[in-house]
Amino acid sequence: MAIETATLGGGCFWCLEAAFQGVEGVQSVISGYAGGPGAQPTYHQVCTGTTGHAEVVQVGFDDTRIDFETLLEVFFTIHDPTTLNRQGADVGSQYRSVIFYHSDAQREIAERLIARLNAEGVWSDPIVTQVQPAPAFYPAEAYHQDYYRRNPGQGYCQVVISPKLAKLRARHAALLAK
């Protein structure tokens, strides 16, 4: 078993965390921050949109059970990669769509998949997802970890996250952990 790392931003990290936690071959999902120049940013600092950090998840996955491209297909299912610095009501660069790659192979896979999805016209607008080298990753505060599982009845979880999980189940049922 070889564990690889993917660092992905697509809006609120609670949504991405909840989705990837249910995918077969995913070993860990940590909500956090990446992409800004300062070290150890806090949630309140990142929320201002002035730190340069994005809300991201760092996903540890077993590449013998799920490959990076399939992981990215899930990523593109659970957020809108065509809106610059926005996911639904969440607005600001901290909510940008970004793939922070950990190897040249990941970069090539991400660029090829984005080109293919654009060519297929999956969305009516072009994908604006950034593909950048992985910077330092800072885990978010403890209360952000495992958020959906701990707060399934919370309003944001019901209105925003649950529909994304339903979409994931509908489109990628075969990828979900049994």
N, C-alpha and C. Protein backbone atom coordinates (compact mmCIF):
# COMPACT_ATOMS: atom_id res chain seq x y z
N MET A 1 0.86 -1.18 0.00
CA MET A 1 0.00 0.00 0.00
C MET A 1 0.90 1.23 0.00
N ALA A 2 0.61 2.15 -0.91
CA ALA A 2 1.34 3.41 -0.97
C ALA A 2 0.36 4.55 -0.72
N ILE A 3 0.58 5.30 0.33
CA ILE A 3 -0.30 6.42 0.64
C ILE A 3 0.24 7.67 -0.05
N GLU A 4 -0.63 8.28 -0.84
CA GLU A 4 -0.31 9.54 -1.50
C GLU A 4 -1.12 10.65 -0.83
N THR A 5 -0.74 11.87 -1.11
CA THR A 5 -1.42 13.03 -0.55
C THR A 5 -1.98 13.89 -1.68
N ALA A 6 -3.21 14.33 -1.49
CA ALA A 6 -3.84 15.31 -2.38
C ALA A 6 -4.27 16.48 -1.51
N THR A 7 -4.03 17.70 -1.99
CA THR A 7 -4.47 18.89 -1.27
C THR A 7 -5.38 19.67 -2.20
N LEU A 8 -6.65 19.80 -1.80
CA LEU A 8 -7.69 20.32 -2.69
C LEU A 8 -8.54 21.38 -1.99
N GLY A 9 -8.84 22.44 -2.73
CA GLY A 9 -9.73 23.48 -2.24
C GLY A 9 -10.90 23.66 -3.19
N GLY A 10 -12.09 23.66 -2.65
CA GLY A 10 -13.28 23.82 -3.47
C GLY A 10 -14.42 24.40 -2.65
N GLY A 11 -14.17 25.54 -2.05
CA GLY A 11 -15.18 26.13 -1.17
C GLY A 11 -14.91 25.76 0.27
N CYS A 12 -15.94 25.66 1.02
CA CYS A 12 -15.83 25.33 2.44
C CYS A 12 -15.22 23.95 2.63
N PHE A 13 -14.24 23.86 3.51
CA PHE A 13 -13.59 22.57 3.71
C PHE A 13 -14.49 21.54 4.35
N TRP A 14 -15.55 21.95 5.04
CA TRP A 14 -16.47 20.98 5.63
C TRP A 14 -17.10 20.11 4.56
N CYS A 15 -17.44 20.71 3.42
CA CYS A 15 -18.08 19.96 2.33
C CYS A 15 -17.12 18.92 1.75
N LEU A 16 -15.91 19.35 1.44
CA LEU A 16 -14.93 18.43 0.86
C LEU A 16 -14.60 17.31 1.83
N GLU A 17 -14.41 17.66 3.10
CA GLU A 17 -14.08 16.66 4.11
C GLU A 17 -15.17 15.58 4.17
N ALA A 18 -16.41 16.01 4.26
CA ALA A 18 -17.52 15.06 4.38
C ALA A 18 -17.59 14.13 3.17
N ALA A 19 -17.36 14.67 2.00
CA ALA A 19 -17.43 13.86 0.78
C ALA A 19 -16.28 12.85 0.72
N PHE A 20 -15.07 13.30 0.92
CA PHE A 20 -13.92 12.40 0.78
C PHE A 20 -13.86 11.36 1.89
N GLN A 21 -14.43 11.64 3.05
CA GLN A 21 -14.43 10.65 4.12
C GLN A 21 -15.17 9.38 3.73
N GLY A 22 -16.10 9.47 2.78
CA GLY A 22 -16.87 8.30 2.40
C GLY A 22 -16.35 7.55 1.19
N VAL A 23 -15.21 7.98 0.64
CA VAL A 23 -14.68 7.38 -0.58
C VAL A 23 -13.73 6.23 -0.26
N GLU A 24 -13.96 5.11 -0.92
CA GLU A 24 -13.12 3.93 -0.77
C GLU A 24 -11.68 4.26 -1.12
N GLY A 25 -10.76 3.84 -0.29
CA GLY A 25 -9.33 4.07 -0.52
C GLY A 25 -8.80 5.32 0.15
N VAL A 26 -9.69 6.19 0.62
CA VAL A 26 -9.25 7.38 1.35
C VAL A 26 -8.95 6.96 2.78
N GLN A 27 -7.74 7.27 3.20
CA GLN A 27 -7.29 6.87 4.53
C GLN A 27 -7.46 7.97 5.57
N SER A 28 -7.36 9.24 5.14
CA SER A 28 -7.50 10.35 6.07
C SER A 28 -7.93 11.60 5.32
N VAL A 29 -8.63 12.48 6.02
CA VAL A 29 -9.02 13.77 5.47
C VAL A 29 -8.86 14.79 6.60
N ILE A 30 -8.04 15.80 6.36
CA ILE A 30 -7.80 16.84 7.35
C ILE A 30 -8.18 18.18 6.73
N SER A 31 -9.05 18.91 7.40
CA SER A 31 -9.39 20.25 6.96
C SER A 31 -8.29 21.21 7.39
N GLY A 32 -7.99 22.18 6.51
CA GLY A 32 -6.94 23.12 6.85
C GLY A 32 -6.85 24.27 5.87
N TYR A 33 -5.67 24.88 5.87
CA TYR A 33 -5.43 26.08 5.08
C TYR A 33 -4.12 25.93 4.31
N ALA A 34 -4.09 26.46 3.09
CA ALA A 34 -2.87 26.42 2.28
C ALA A 34 -2.93 27.55 1.25
N GLY A 35 -1.77 27.97 0.81
CA GLY A 35 -1.71 28.91 -0.30
C GLY A 35 -1.39 30.34 0.04
N GLY A 36 -1.31 30.67 1.31
CA GLY A 36 -0.97 32.04 1.69
C GLY A 36 0.44 32.11 2.24
N PRO A 37 0.98 33.32 2.32
CA PRO A 37 2.37 33.47 2.74
C PRO A 37 2.61 33.29 4.24
N GLY A 38 1.64 33.55 5.08
CA GLY A 38 1.86 33.48 6.53
C GLY A 38 1.74 32.07 7.07
N ALA A 39 2.40 31.84 8.19
CA ALA A 39 2.36 30.53 8.84
C ALA A 39 1.26 30.49 9.90
N GLN A 40 0.70 29.31 10.07
CA GLN A 40 -0.29 29.03 11.11
C GLN A 40 -1.47 30.00 11.15
N PRO A 41 -2.14 30.21 10.03
CA PRO A 41 -3.29 31.12 10.06
C PRO A 41 -4.44 30.50 10.86
N THR A 42 -5.27 31.35 11.40
CA THR A 42 -6.47 30.89 12.11
C THR A 42 -7.67 30.98 11.18
N TYR A 43 -8.73 30.33 11.56
CA TYR A 43 -9.97 30.38 10.78
C TYR A 43 -10.44 31.83 10.64
N HIS A 44 -10.41 32.57 11.71
CA HIS A 44 -10.89 33.95 11.66
C HIS A 44 -10.03 34.81 10.74
N GLN A 45 -8.73 34.55 10.72
CA GLN A 45 -7.86 35.29 9.80
C GLN A 45 -8.15 34.92 8.35
N VAL A 46 -8.28 33.63 8.07
CA VAL A 46 -8.54 33.17 6.71
C VAL A 46 -9.89 33.68 6.21
N CYS A 47 -10.87 33.73 7.09
CA CYS A 47 -12.21 34.20 6.71
C CYS A 47 -12.22 35.65 6.23
N THR A 48 -11.23 36.42 6.61
CA THR A 48 -11.19 37.81 6.15
C THR A 48 -10.87 37.90 4.66
N GLY A 49 -10.29 36.83 4.10
CA GLY A 49 -9.91 36.83 2.70
C GLY A 49 -8.62 37.59 2.43
N THR A 50 -7.92 37.98 3.48
CA THR A 50 -6.71 38.80 3.30
C THR A 50 -5.41 38.01 3.48
N THR A 51 -5.48 36.76 3.92
CA THR A 51 -4.25 36.00 4.19
C THR A 51 -3.68 35.32 2.96
N GLY A 52 -4.50 35.16 1.92
CA GLY A 52 -4.06 34.44 0.72
C GLY A 52 -4.27 32.94 0.81
N HIS A 53 -4.66 32.45 1.98
CA HIS A 53 -4.90 31.02 2.16
C HIS A 53 -6.27 30.62 1.62
N ALA A 54 -6.37 29.38 1.20
CA ALA A 54 -7.65 28.79 0.82
C ALA A 54 -8.03 27.76 1.86
N GLU A 55 -9.32 27.60 2.07
CA GLU A 55 -9.78 26.46 2.86
C GLU A 55 -9.58 25.23 1.99
N VAL A 56 -8.87 24.24 2.50
CA VAL A 56 -8.55 23.04 1.74
C VAL A 56 -8.72 21.80 2.61
N VAL A 57 -8.68 20.66 1.95
CA VAL A 57 -8.54 19.40 2.67
C VAL A 57 -7.27 18.72 2.18
N GLN A 58 -6.61 18.07 3.10
CA GLN A 58 -5.48 17.24 2.72
C GLN A 58 -5.96 15.80 2.86
N VAL A 59 -5.95 15.12 1.72
CA VAL A 59 -6.50 13.76 1.63
C VAL A 59 -5.35 12.77 1.50
N GLY A 60 -5.29 11.83 2.43
CA GLY A 60 -4.34 10.71 2.30
C GLY A 60 -5.09 9.56 1.67
N PHE A 61 -4.57 9.06 0.54
CA PHE A 61 -5.30 7.99 -0.15
C PHE A 61 -4.36 6.87 -0.57
N ASP A 62 -4.90 5.66 -0.57
CA ASP A 62 -4.17 4.46 -0.97
C ASP A 62 -4.26 4.37 -2.50
N ASP A 63 -3.15 4.63 -3.17
CA ASP A 63 -3.18 4.69 -4.63
C ASP A 63 -3.35 3.32 -5.29
N THR A 64 -3.37 2.25 -4.49
CA THR A 64 -3.70 0.94 -5.06
C THR A 64 -5.20 0.70 -5.05
N ARG A 65 -5.95 1.58 -4.35
CA ARG A 65 -7.40 1.43 -4.27
C ARG A 65 -8.16 2.54 -4.97
N ILE A 66 -7.55 3.72 -5.07
CA ILE A 66 -8.14 4.83 -5.82
C ILE A 66 -6.98 5.67 -6.36
N ASP A 67 -7.06 6.00 -7.63
CA ASP A 67 -5.98 6.79 -8.21
C ASP A 67 -6.32 8.28 -8.12
N PHE A 68 -5.31 9.10 -8.38
CA PHE A 68 -5.46 10.55 -8.25
C PHE A 68 -6.52 11.11 -9.20
N GLU A 69 -6.56 10.60 -10.41
CA GLU A 69 -7.55 11.10 -11.37
C GLU A 69 -8.97 10.83 -10.90
N THR A 70 -9.22 9.65 -10.36
CA THR A 70 -10.55 9.33 -9.85
C THR A 70 -10.89 10.21 -8.66
N LEU A 71 -9.91 10.47 -7.81
CA LEU A 71 -10.11 11.38 -6.69
C LEU A 71 -10.51 12.77 -7.19
N LEU A 72 -9.86 13.22 -8.27
CA LEU A 72 -10.20 14.52 -8.85
C LEU A 72 -11.59 14.51 -9.49
N GLU A 73 -12.00 13.38 -10.06
CA GLU A 73 -13.36 13.29 -10.60
C GLU A 73 -14.39 13.50 -9.50
N VAL A 74 -14.13 12.94 -8.33
CA VAL A 74 -15.00 13.18 -7.17
C VAL A 74 -14.97 14.66 -6.82
N PHE A 75 -13.78 15.24 -6.75
CA PHE A 75 -13.60 16.66 -6.43
C PHE A 75 -14.43 17.54 -7.36
N PHE A 76 -14.40 17.26 -8.66
CA PHE A 76 -15.13 18.08 -9.61
C PHE A 76 -16.64 17.84 -9.55
N THR A 77 -17.06 16.75 -8.94
CA THR A 77 -18.49 16.48 -8.76
C THR A 77 -19.08 17.28 -7.61
N ILE A 78 -18.28 17.53 -6.58
CA ILE A 78 -18.84 18.08 -5.34
C ILE A 78 -18.67 19.59 -5.17
N HIS A 79 -18.17 20.26 -6.21
CA HIS A 79 -18.12 21.72 -6.16
C HIS A 79 -18.21 22.27 -7.58
N ASP A 80 -18.44 23.57 -7.68
CA ASP A 80 -18.53 24.22 -8.98
C ASP A 80 -17.17 24.82 -9.33
N PRO A 81 -16.44 24.19 -10.26
CA PRO A 81 -15.11 24.67 -10.59
C PRO A 81 -15.10 25.83 -11.58
N THR A 82 -16.27 26.38 -11.88
CA THR A 82 -16.36 27.46 -12.88
C THR A 82 -16.57 28.83 -12.26
N THR A 83 -16.67 28.91 -10.96
CA THR A 83 -16.90 30.21 -10.31
C THR A 83 -15.63 30.64 -9.61
N LEU A 84 -15.11 31.77 -9.99
CA LEU A 84 -13.86 32.28 -9.43
C LEU A 84 -14.10 32.80 -8.01
N ASN A 85 -13.36 32.22 -7.07
CA ASN A 85 -13.41 32.67 -5.67
C ASN A 85 -14.82 32.65 -5.08
N ARG A 86 -15.56 31.61 -5.44
CA ARG A 86 -16.93 31.52 -4.93
C ARG A 86 -17.44 30.09 -5.00
N GLN A 87 -18.14 29.69 -3.95
CA GLN A 87 -18.92 28.47 -3.94
C GLN A 87 -20.23 28.79 -3.26
N GLY A 88 -21.29 28.89 -4.04
CA GLY A 88 -22.60 29.25 -3.49
C GLY A 88 -22.53 30.61 -2.81
N ALA A 89 -22.94 30.65 -1.55
CA ALA A 89 -22.95 31.90 -0.80
C ALA A 89 -21.57 32.25 -0.22
N ASP A 90 -20.63 31.31 -0.29
CA ASP A 90 -19.28 31.56 0.22
C ASP A 90 -18.47 32.29 -0.85
N VAL A 91 -18.08 33.53 -0.56
CA VAL A 91 -17.39 34.37 -1.53
C VAL A 91 -16.05 34.84 -0.96
N GLY A 92 -15.01 34.76 -1.77
CA GLY A 92 -13.69 35.23 -1.39
C GLY A 92 -12.63 34.25 -1.87
N SER A 93 -11.40 34.73 -1.96
CA SER A 93 -10.32 33.86 -2.46
C SER A 93 -10.07 32.66 -1.57
N GLN A 94 -10.51 32.71 -0.33
CA GLN A 94 -10.35 31.57 0.57
C GLN A 94 -11.24 30.39 0.15
N TYR A 95 -12.19 30.64 -0.75
CA TYR A 95 -13.09 29.59 -1.24
C TYR A 95 -12.78 29.19 -2.68
N ARG A 96 -11.60 29.56 -3.17
CA ARG A 96 -11.24 29.28 -4.56
C ARG A 96 -11.14 27.79 -4.83
N SER A 97 -11.31 27.45 -6.09
CA SER A 97 -11.13 26.09 -6.56
C SER A 97 -9.65 25.93 -6.91
N VAL A 98 -8.98 25.00 -6.22
CA VAL A 98 -7.54 24.85 -6.42
C VAL A 98 -7.11 23.41 -6.17
N ILE A 99 -6.20 22.97 -7.00
CA ILE A 99 -5.53 21.68 -6.81
C ILE A 99 -4.07 22.01 -6.54
N PHE A 100 -3.62 21.71 -5.32
CA PHE A 100 -2.22 21.89 -4.97
C PHE A 100 -1.53 20.54 -5.20
N TYR A 101 -0.75 20.45 -6.26
CA TYR A 101 -0.15 19.15 -6.62
C TYR A 101 1.13 18.88 -5.83
N HIS A 102 1.34 17.58 -5.57
CA HIS A 102 2.49 17.12 -4.80
C HIS A 102 3.55 16.46 -5.67
N SER A 103 3.31 16.36 -6.97
CA SER A 103 4.28 15.78 -7.89
C SER A 103 3.96 16.25 -9.30
N ASP A 104 4.93 16.09 -10.19
CA ASP A 104 4.68 16.43 -11.60
C ASP A 104 3.58 15.55 -12.18
N ALA A 105 3.53 14.31 -11.73
CA ALA A 105 2.48 13.40 -12.21
C ALA A 105 1.10 13.93 -11.83
N GLN A 106 0.94 14.39 -10.59
CA GLN A 106 -0.35 14.96 -10.17
C GLN A 106 -0.69 16.20 -11.00
N ARG A 107 0.29 17.05 -11.26
CA ARG A 107 0.06 18.25 -12.07
C ARG A 107 -0.44 17.86 -13.46
N GLU A 108 0.23 16.90 -14.08
CA GLU A 108 -0.15 16.47 -15.43
C GLU A 108 -1.54 15.87 -15.45
N ILE A 109 -1.86 15.06 -14.46
CA ILE A 109 -3.19 14.45 -14.38
C ILE A 109 -4.25 15.54 -14.23
N ALA A 110 -4.01 16.51 -13.34
CA ALA A 110 -4.98 17.59 -13.11
C ALA A 110 -5.19 18.41 -14.38
N GLU A 111 -4.10 18.79 -15.03
CA GLU A 111 -4.22 19.61 -16.25
C GLU A 111 -4.92 18.85 -17.36
N ARG A 112 -4.62 17.57 -17.50
CA ARG A 112 -5.26 16.75 -18.54
C ARG A 112 -6.75 16.59 -18.26
N LEU A 113 -7.11 16.34 -17.00
CA LEU A 113 -8.52 16.16 -16.66
C LEU A 113 -9.30 17.46 -16.87
N ILE A 114 -8.74 18.58 -16.47
CA ILE A 114 -9.42 19.87 -16.68
C ILE A 114 -9.63 20.12 -18.17
N ALA A 115 -8.61 19.85 -18.97
CA ALA A 115 -8.75 20.03 -20.43
C ALA A 115 -9.84 19.12 -20.98
N ARG A 116 -9.88 17.88 -20.51
CA ARG A 116 -10.90 16.94 -20.99
C ARG A 116 -12.31 17.39 -20.59
N LEU A 117 -12.48 17.79 -19.34
CA LEU A 117 -13.80 18.23 -18.88
C LEU A 117 -14.26 19.48 -19.62
N ASN A 118 -13.33 20.40 -19.87
CA ASN A 118 -13.67 21.60 -20.66
C ASN A 118 -14.07 21.21 -22.08
N ALA A 119 -13.31 20.30 -22.69
CA ALA A 119 -13.59 19.87 -24.07
C ALA A 119 -14.94 19.16 -24.16
N GLU A 120 -15.29 18.41 -23.12
CA GLU A 120 -16.58 17.69 -23.10
C GLU A 120 -17.75 18.62 -22.81
N GLY A 121 -17.47 19.83 -22.38
CA GLY A 121 -18.53 20.79 -22.08
C GLY A 121 -19.38 20.38 -20.89
N VAL A 122 -18.74 19.77 -19.90
CA VAL A 122 -19.46 19.32 -18.71
C VAL A 122 -20.19 20.48 -18.04
N TRP A 123 -19.56 21.65 -18.04
CA TRP A 123 -20.18 22.87 -17.52
C TRP A 123 -20.31 23.86 -18.67
N SER A 124 -21.26 24.74 -18.56
CA SER A 124 -21.44 25.74 -19.63
C SER A 124 -20.36 26.81 -19.61
N ASP A 125 -19.69 26.98 -18.48
CA ASP A 125 -18.58 27.93 -18.36
C ASP A 125 -17.27 27.16 -18.20
N PRO A 126 -16.15 27.77 -18.55
CA PRO A 126 -14.86 27.08 -18.41
C PRO A 126 -14.47 26.89 -16.95
N ILE A 127 -13.69 25.86 -16.70
CA ILE A 127 -13.17 25.57 -15.37
C ILE A 127 -12.10 26.61 -15.03
N VAL A 128 -12.19 27.19 -13.82
CA VAL A 128 -11.21 28.18 -13.36
C VAL A 128 -10.32 27.63 -12.25
N THR A 129 -10.39 26.35 -12.01
CA THR A 129 -9.59 25.71 -10.96
C THR A 129 -8.11 25.99 -11.19
N GLN A 130 -7.45 26.50 -10.16
CA GLN A 130 -6.01 26.72 -10.22
C GLN A 130 -5.28 25.41 -9.98
N VAL A 131 -4.17 25.21 -10.66
CA VAL A 131 -3.30 24.05 -10.45
C VAL A 131 -1.94 24.61 -10.07
N GLN A 132 -1.55 24.40 -8.81
CA GLN A 132 -0.35 25.03 -8.27
C GLN A 132 0.45 24.03 -7.43
N PRO A 133 1.76 24.26 -7.29
CA PRO A 133 2.56 23.39 -6.42
C PRO A 133 2.04 23.45 -4.98
N ALA A 134 2.11 22.33 -4.30
CA ALA A 134 1.62 22.27 -2.92
C ALA A 134 2.50 23.12 -2.01
N PRO A 135 1.87 24.09 -1.34
CA PRO A 135 2.59 24.91 -0.37
C PRO A 135 2.50 24.27 1.02
N ALA A 136 2.91 24.97 2.02
CA ALA A 136 2.74 24.49 3.39
C ALA A 136 1.25 24.32 3.67
N PHE A 137 0.94 23.29 4.42
CA PHE A 137 -0.45 22.99 4.82
C PHE A 137 -0.53 23.18 6.32
N TYR A 138 -1.59 23.86 6.76
CA TYR A 138 -1.81 24.10 8.19
C TYR A 138 -3.16 23.52 8.57
N PRO A 139 -3.19 22.50 9.43
CA PRO A 139 -4.48 21.95 9.86
C PRO A 139 -5.34 23.02 10.53
N ALA A 140 -6.63 22.95 10.25
CA ALA A 140 -7.58 23.87 10.88
C ALA A 140 -7.76 23.48 12.34
N GLU A 141 -8.38 24.37 13.06
CA GLU A 141 -8.67 24.15 14.47
C GLU A 141 -9.48 22.86 14.65
N ALA A 142 -9.36 22.27 15.84
CA ALA A 142 -9.99 20.97 16.12
C ALA A 142 -11.49 20.97 15.86
N TYR A 143 -12.17 22.07 16.15
CA TYR A 143 -13.63 22.08 15.98
C TYR A 143 -14.06 22.01 14.52
N HIS A 144 -13.13 22.20 13.58
CA HIS A 144 -13.45 22.07 12.16
C HIS A 144 -13.28 20.64 11.66
N GLN A 145 -12.56 19.82 12.38
CA GLN A 145 -12.28 18.45 11.93
C GLN A 145 -13.50 17.57 12.14
N ASP A 146 -13.79 16.75 11.13
CA ASP A 146 -14.91 15.80 11.21
C ASP A 146 -16.23 16.54 11.46
N TYR A 147 -16.35 17.72 10.90
CA TYR A 147 -17.45 18.63 11.22
C TYR A 147 -18.83 18.04 10.89
N TYR A 148 -18.98 17.54 9.68
CA TYR A 148 -20.30 17.04 9.27
C TYR A 148 -20.74 15.85 10.13
N ARG A 149 -19.83 14.94 10.39
CA ARG A 149 -20.18 13.75 11.20
C ARG A 149 -20.58 14.15 12.61
N ARG A 150 -19.97 15.19 13.13
CA ARG A 150 -20.28 15.63 14.49
C ARG A 150 -21.48 16.56 14.56
N ASN A 151 -21.87 17.16 13.42
CA ASN A 151 -22.95 18.17 13.41
C ASN A 151 -23.94 17.97 12.26
N PRO A 152 -24.44 16.75 12.05
CA PRO A 152 -25.28 16.52 10.87
C PRO A 152 -26.58 17.31 10.85
N GLY A 153 -27.07 17.72 12.00
CA GLY A 153 -28.32 18.46 12.06
C GLY A 153 -28.15 19.97 11.95
N GLN A 154 -26.90 20.45 11.93
CA GLN A 154 -26.63 21.88 11.84
C GLN A 154 -27.14 22.39 10.49
N GLY A 155 -27.63 23.62 10.45
CA GLY A 155 -28.25 24.17 9.24
C GLY A 155 -27.39 24.11 8.00
N TYR A 156 -26.14 24.54 8.09
CA TYR A 156 -25.24 24.52 6.93
C TYR A 156 -25.05 23.09 6.44
N CYS A 157 -24.93 22.17 7.37
CA CYS A 157 -24.75 20.77 6.99
C CYS A 157 -25.96 20.26 6.21
N GLN A 158 -27.16 20.60 6.67
CA GLN A 158 -28.38 20.14 6.01
C GLN A 158 -28.59 20.80 4.65
N VAL A 159 -28.37 22.10 4.57
CA VAL A 159 -28.69 22.86 3.37
C VAL A 159 -27.60 22.78 2.30
N VAL A 160 -26.34 22.73 2.71
CA VAL A 160 -25.24 22.78 1.75
C VAL A 160 -24.54 21.44 1.58
N ILE A 161 -24.16 20.80 2.69
CA ILE A 161 -23.36 19.58 2.59
C ILE A 161 -24.19 18.36 2.19
N SER A 162 -25.33 18.17 2.81
CA SER A 162 -26.14 16.98 2.50
C SER A 162 -26.48 16.85 1.02
N PRO A 163 -26.87 17.94 0.33
CA PRO A 163 -27.12 17.81 -1.12
C PRO A 163 -25.87 17.42 -1.91
N LYS A 164 -24.70 17.90 -1.50
CA LYS A 164 -23.47 17.52 -2.19
C LYS A 164 -23.18 16.03 -1.98
N LEU A 165 -23.45 15.54 -0.79
CA LEU A 165 -23.25 14.11 -0.53
C LEU A 165 -24.24 13.26 -1.33
N ALA A 166 -25.46 13.75 -1.49
CA ALA A 166 -26.44 13.04 -2.31
C ALA A 166 -25.98 12.98 -3.76
N LYS A 167 -25.43 14.07 -4.25
CA LYS A 167 -24.90 14.11 -5.62
C LYS A 167 -23.74 13.14 -5.77
N LEU A 168 -22.88 13.10 -4.77
CA LEU A 168 -21.76 12.16 -4.78
C LEU A 168 -22.26 10.72 -4.83
N ARG A 169 -23.24 10.40 -4.00
CA ARG A 169 -23.80 9.04 -4.00
C ARG A 169 -24.42 8.69 -5.34
N ALA A 170 -25.11 9.64 -5.96
CA ALA A 170 -25.76 9.39 -7.23
C ALA A 170 -24.76 9.17 -8.37
N ARG A 171 -23.68 9.95 -8.37
CA ARG A 171 -22.73 9.87 -9.49
C ARG A 171 -21.59 8.90 -9.29
N HIS A 172 -21.25 8.61 -8.05
CA HIS A 172 -20.06 7.79 -7.79
C HIS A 172 -20.33 6.70 -6.76
N ALA A 173 -21.48 6.09 -6.80
CA ALA A 173 -21.85 5.07 -5.82
C ALA A 173 -20.81 3.96 -5.72
N ALA A 174 -20.22 3.56 -6.84
CA ALA A 174 -19.25 2.48 -6.86
C ALA A 174 -17.97 2.83 -6.11
N LEU A 175 -17.71 4.12 -5.90
CA LEU A 175 -16.49 4.55 -5.24
C LEU A 175 -16.64 4.68 -3.73
N LEU A 176 -17.85 4.57 -3.24
CA LEU A 176 -18.08 4.81 -1.83
C LEU A 176 -17.75 3.58 -0.98
N ALA A 177 -17.18 3.86 0.19
CA ALA A 177 -16.80 2.77 1.10
C ALA A 177 -18.05 2.00 1.53
N LYS A 178 -17.90 0.72 1.60
CA LYS A 178 -19.03 -0.13 1.96
C LYS A 178 -19.18 -0.19 3.46
